[in-house]
Protein backbone atom coordinates (compact mmCIF):
# COMPACT_ATOMS: atom_id res chain seq x y z
CA MET A 1 11.24 -67.27 -71.44
CA THR A 2 11.42 -69.06 -74.81
CA GLY A 3 11.51 -73.03 -75.37
CA ALA A 4 0.48 -82.42 -70.58
CA VAL A 5 0.38 -81.47 -67.10
CA PRO A 6 -2.37 -81.32 -64.47
CA ALA A 7 -4.25 -78.06 -64.18
CA PRO A 8 -3.18 -75.95 -61.19
CA GLY A 9 -5.01 -76.65 -57.95
CA THR A 10 -7.10 -74.13 -56.08
CA GLY A 11 -6.77 -75.51 -52.58
CA GLY A 12 -5.46 -73.40 -49.75
CA ALA A 13 -6.88 -70.07 -50.95
CA ALA A 14 -7.56 -69.15 -47.33
CA ARG A 15 -3.82 -68.56 -46.91
CA TRP A 16 -4.17 -65.30 -48.84
CA GLY A 17 -5.56 -62.01 -47.61
CA ALA A 18 -8.70 -60.24 -48.77
CA PRO A 19 -9.12 -59.52 -52.50
CA ASP A 20 -8.84 -56.05 -54.02
CA PRO A 21 -12.29 -55.75 -55.67
CA GLU A 22 -11.19 -53.23 -58.31
CA LEU A 23 -8.14 -55.21 -59.39
CA ARG A 24 -9.97 -58.52 -59.18
CA ASP A 25 -12.75 -57.26 -61.43
CA ALA A 26 -10.29 -55.72 -63.91
CA VAL A 27 -8.38 -58.99 -64.28
CA ALA A 28 -11.62 -60.98 -64.51
CA ALA A 29 -12.80 -58.69 -67.30
CA LEU A 30 -9.49 -59.19 -69.13
CA LEU A 31 -9.81 -62.96 -68.85
CA ASP A 32 -13.38 -62.82 -70.09
CA THR A 33 -12.09 -61.37 -73.37
CA VAL A 34 -10.07 -64.52 -74.13
CA GLY A 35 -12.26 -67.26 -72.66
CA ASP A 36 -10.43 -70.51 -73.36
CA GLY A 37 -7.88 -68.72 -75.52
CA VAL A 38 -4.60 -66.96 -74.78
CA LEU A 39 -3.54 -63.45 -73.86
CA PRO A 40 -1.32 -61.26 -76.06
CA ILE A 41 2.26 -61.07 -74.81
CA VAL A 42 3.50 -57.57 -74.01
CA GLN A 43 6.65 -56.59 -75.93
CA ALA A 44 9.71 -54.65 -74.78
CA GLY A 45 9.05 -50.93 -74.54
CA ASP A 46 5.83 -51.28 -72.55
CA PRO A 47 6.31 -49.68 -69.10
CA VAL A 48 4.70 -52.66 -67.34
CA LEU A 49 7.84 -54.69 -68.13
CA ARG A 50 10.02 -52.09 -66.43
CA THR A 51 7.93 -51.61 -63.31
CA PRO A 52 8.61 -53.91 -60.32
CA ALA A 53 5.55 -56.09 -59.80
CA ALA A 54 3.49 -55.66 -56.65
CA PRO A 55 3.75 -58.56 -54.17
CA TYR A 56 0.78 -60.88 -54.41
CA THR A 57 -1.17 -60.93 -51.15
CA GLY A 58 -4.51 -62.28 -52.36
CA GLN A 59 -5.66 -59.35 -54.51
CA LEU A 60 -7.32 -61.58 -57.12
CA GLY A 61 -9.24 -63.91 -54.82
CA ASP A 62 -11.09 -66.58 -56.80
CA VAL A 63 -9.77 -65.15 -60.09
CA LEU A 64 -6.22 -66.34 -59.40
CA PRO A 65 -6.75 -69.92 -60.68
CA ARG A 66 -8.30 -68.53 -63.88
CA LEU A 67 -5.34 -66.23 -64.44
CA VAL A 68 -2.87 -69.05 -63.83
CA GLU A 69 -4.65 -71.30 -66.33
CA VAL A 70 -4.70 -68.59 -69.02
CA MET A 71 -1.02 -67.84 -68.39
CA ARG A 72 -0.31 -71.56 -68.71
CA ARG A 73 -2.11 -71.74 -72.07
CA THR A 74 -0.39 -68.57 -73.26
CA MET A 75 3.05 -69.92 -72.33
CA HIS A 76 2.38 -73.20 -74.16
CA ALA A 77 1.01 -71.46 -77.25
CA ALA A 78 3.98 -69.08 -77.60
CA PRO A 79 5.74 -71.57 -77.07
CA GLY A 80 7.87 -70.86 -74.02
CA VAL A 81 9.10 -72.34 -70.77
CA GLY A 82 8.10 -69.46 -68.52
CA LEU A 83 5.77 -66.49 -68.39
CA ALA A 84 5.46 -63.70 -65.82
CA ALA A 85 2.26 -61.79 -65.14
CA PRO A 86 3.72 -58.44 -66.34
CA GLN A 87 4.20 -60.10 -69.74
CA VAL A 88 0.41 -60.21 -70.06
CA GLY A 89 0.03 -56.70 -68.66
CA ILE A 90 -0.64 -57.57 -65.00
CA GLY A 91 1.80 -56.05 -62.52
CA LEU A 92 1.62 -58.75 -59.84
CA ALA A 93 4.46 -61.02 -58.69
CA ILE A 94 3.16 -64.21 -60.28
CA ALA A 95 4.85 -66.43 -62.88
CA VAL A 96 4.34 -69.85 -64.41
CA VAL A 97 7.13 -72.17 -65.56
CA GLU A 98 7.42 -75.56 -67.24
CA ASP A 99 10.01 -77.37 -69.33
CA ARG A 100 9.95 -80.98 -70.47
CA GLY A 101 13.72 -80.99 -70.52
CA ALA A 102 16.15 -82.54 -72.98
CA PRO A 103 18.29 -85.59 -72.17
CA ASP A 104 22.07 -85.18 -72.46
CA ASP A 105 21.72 -81.43 -73.04
CA PRO A 106 24.94 -79.70 -71.87
CA ARG A 107 22.84 -76.93 -70.38
CA GLU A 108 21.60 -79.41 -67.74
CA ARG A 109 18.09 -79.15 -69.13
CA THR A 110 16.37 -81.44 -66.67
CA PRO A 111 12.55 -81.54 -66.64
CA LEU A 112 10.78 -78.78 -64.73
CA PRO A 113 7.16 -79.78 -64.07
CA PHE A 114 4.50 -77.11 -64.36
CA ARG A 115 4.38 -74.86 -61.34
CA VAL A 116 3.28 -71.42 -60.22
CA LEU A 117 5.77 -69.02 -58.62
CA VAL A 118 4.28 -66.39 -56.33
CA ASN A 119 6.51 -63.65 -54.90
CA PRO A 120 9.62 -65.60 -55.93
CA ASP A 121 13.17 -64.66 -55.00
CA TYR A 122 16.47 -66.40 -55.59
CA ALA A 123 20.01 -66.43 -54.25
CA PRO A 124 23.05 -68.10 -55.83
CA VAL A 125 24.18 -71.47 -54.53
CA ASP A 126 27.92 -72.03 -54.79
CA GLY A 127 29.41 -75.19 -56.21
CA PRO A 128 32.32 -77.11 -54.67
CA GLY A 129 34.82 -74.65 -56.14
CA GLY A 130 32.90 -71.51 -55.26
CA PRO A 131 30.45 -69.39 -57.29
CA GLU A 132 29.49 -70.92 -60.64
CA ARG A 133 28.01 -69.13 -63.62
CA ALA A 134 26.93 -70.72 -66.88
CA PRO A 135 26.80 -68.67 -70.12
CA PHE A 136 24.20 -69.73 -72.70
CA PHE A 137 21.97 -68.10 -75.29
CA GLU A 138 18.65 -67.05 -73.87
CA GLY A 139 15.49 -65.61 -75.38
CA CYS A 140 12.33 -63.95 -74.14
CA LEU A 141 8.72 -63.97 -75.30
CA SER A 142 8.68 -60.19 -74.73
CA VAL A 143 11.73 -59.62 -76.96
CA ALA A 144 10.45 -61.66 -79.86
CA GLY A 145 12.92 -62.68 -82.55
CA TRP A 146 16.16 -62.10 -80.63
CA GLN A 147 18.53 -64.02 -78.37
CA ALA A 148 21.70 -63.21 -76.45
CA VAL A 149 24.17 -64.90 -74.14
CA VAL A 150 23.56 -64.45 -70.42
CA ALA A 151 25.90 -65.84 -67.76
CA ARG A 152 23.55 -66.95 -65.00
CA HIS A 153 24.03 -68.68 -61.68
CA ARG A 154 24.22 -72.42 -62.30
CA GLY A 155 22.42 -73.11 -59.03
CA VAL A 156 19.99 -71.01 -57.04
CA ARG A 157 17.96 -71.27 -53.88
CA LEU A 158 14.36 -70.42 -54.76
CA THR A 159 12.11 -68.97 -52.09
CA GLY A 160 8.57 -67.62 -52.24
CA GLN A 161 5.11 -69.18 -52.28
CA ASP A 162 3.07 -71.51 -54.44
CA VAL A 163 -0.41 -70.90 -55.82
CA THR A 164 -2.00 -71.83 -52.49
CA GLY A 165 0.20 -69.48 -50.50
CA ALA A 166 2.32 -72.29 -49.05
CA PRO A 167 6.02 -71.44 -48.63
CA VAL A 168 8.59 -72.58 -51.18
CA ASP A 169 12.26 -73.09 -50.34
CA GLU A 170 14.35 -75.32 -52.61
CA VAL A 171 17.52 -75.53 -54.67
CA LEU A 172 17.46 -75.71 -58.48
CA VAL A 173 20.41 -76.39 -60.79
CA GLY A 174 21.03 -75.96 -64.50
CA TRP A 175 18.32 -74.92 -66.93
CA PRO A 176 15.52 -74.94 -64.31
CA ALA A 177 17.61 -72.48 -62.28
CA ARG A 178 17.97 -70.27 -65.38
CA ILE A 179 14.22 -70.29 -66.00
CA VAL A 180 13.51 -69.27 -62.40
CA GLN A 181 16.07 -66.46 -62.59
CA HIS A 182 14.65 -65.20 -65.88
CA GLU A 183 11.04 -65.10 -64.66
CA THR A 184 11.91 -63.66 -61.26
CA ASP A 185 13.88 -60.90 -62.99
CA HIS A 186 10.73 -60.03 -64.95
CA LEU A 187 8.96 -59.43 -61.64
CA ARG A 188 11.75 -57.03 -60.68
CA GLY A 189 11.22 -54.97 -63.83
CA GLU A 190 14.24 -56.48 -65.58
CA LEU A 191 14.72 -58.08 -68.99
CA TYR A 192 17.32 -60.69 -69.84
CA LEU A 193 19.01 -58.10 -72.07
CA ASP A 194 19.99 -56.18 -68.93
CA HIS A 195 22.31 -59.07 -68.03
CA ALA A 196 23.40 -60.17 -71.52
CA GLU A 197 26.67 -59.75 -73.40
CA PRO A 198 25.72 -56.95 -75.85
CA ARG A 199 27.89 -58.27 -78.70
CA SER A 200 26.18 -61.66 -78.49
CA LEU A 201 22.79 -60.28 -79.54
CA THR A 202 21.55 -62.19 -82.57
CA SER A 203 18.30 -62.64 -84.38
CA THR A 204 16.70 -66.02 -83.82
CA GLU A 205 17.05 -66.57 -87.57
CA ASN A 206 20.83 -66.10 -87.40
CA LEU A 207 21.11 -68.17 -84.24
CA LEU A 208 19.56 -71.07 -86.13
CA ARG A 209 21.64 -70.32 -89.22
CA TYR A 210 25.06 -70.11 -87.57
CA TRP A 211 24.91 -71.61 -84.09
CA ALA A 212 22.22 -74.30 -84.07
CA ALA A 213 24.68 -77.20 -84.12
CA SER A 214 25.31 -76.97 -80.36
CA PRO A 215 24.07 -74.91 -77.40
CA ASP A 216 27.74 -74.21 -76.53
CA PRO A 217 28.13 -70.43 -77.04
CA ALA A 218 31.92 -70.61 -77.51
CA PRO A 219 31.84 -70.58 -81.36
CA ALA A 220 29.54 -67.55 -81.32
CA ALA A 221 31.81 -65.81 -78.80
CA ALA A 222 34.82 -66.36 -81.04
CA ALA A 223 33.03 -65.15 -84.16
CA LEU A 224 31.21 -62.19 -82.64
CA GLY A 225 33.92 -61.11 -80.21
CA PHE A 226 32.37 -61.29 -76.77
CA PRO A 227 33.67 -62.83 -73.54
CA LEU A 228 32.24 -65.88 -71.84
CA GLY A 229 32.07 -65.36 -68.09
């Protein structure tokens, strides 16, 4: 997803199962090509983005921390606030996220410290009045140059594992919840465009030209003729 932290730890690797030697070596070879650099980001139209990622069970062994670090650098360089493994051509259910946040942002853009999501899933969390959805413009590093309005769950319960294999179960609200939904959808073979209002699609250039004054999508909805819901 578009938008200085400690390096990810490597402790707890014993929680995972045995590596897959062929896949481990293939990913290691890919990482060797970039060294301390970044990986190219796969763009829409590549089948890897439309194929549900395989659950991570330990296939990469000692290569996992290297992959996570390269994904972290790639996300920062883009720049973005999330990156899923299929976006760098690896069909495993792994993603990295991080957002420094923005005070007083109406999108509830609270800081999201760097973290690794392994086999993530989410379910909506209702507000006091029932289900809540928040429509905002959203972009994707794999759909470069475009943005569209997506009405996402304002709050979600995130489950899955962390980089060590330890279980994760927590509630996120606002922009962090949106980031988690976006990256988890990638691991399901989905793009944000699958959930967007088609008439809201705009180039990033036009988003900045016409709608940069506020993240509120209401003026764009009125001008472009799409519903907010």
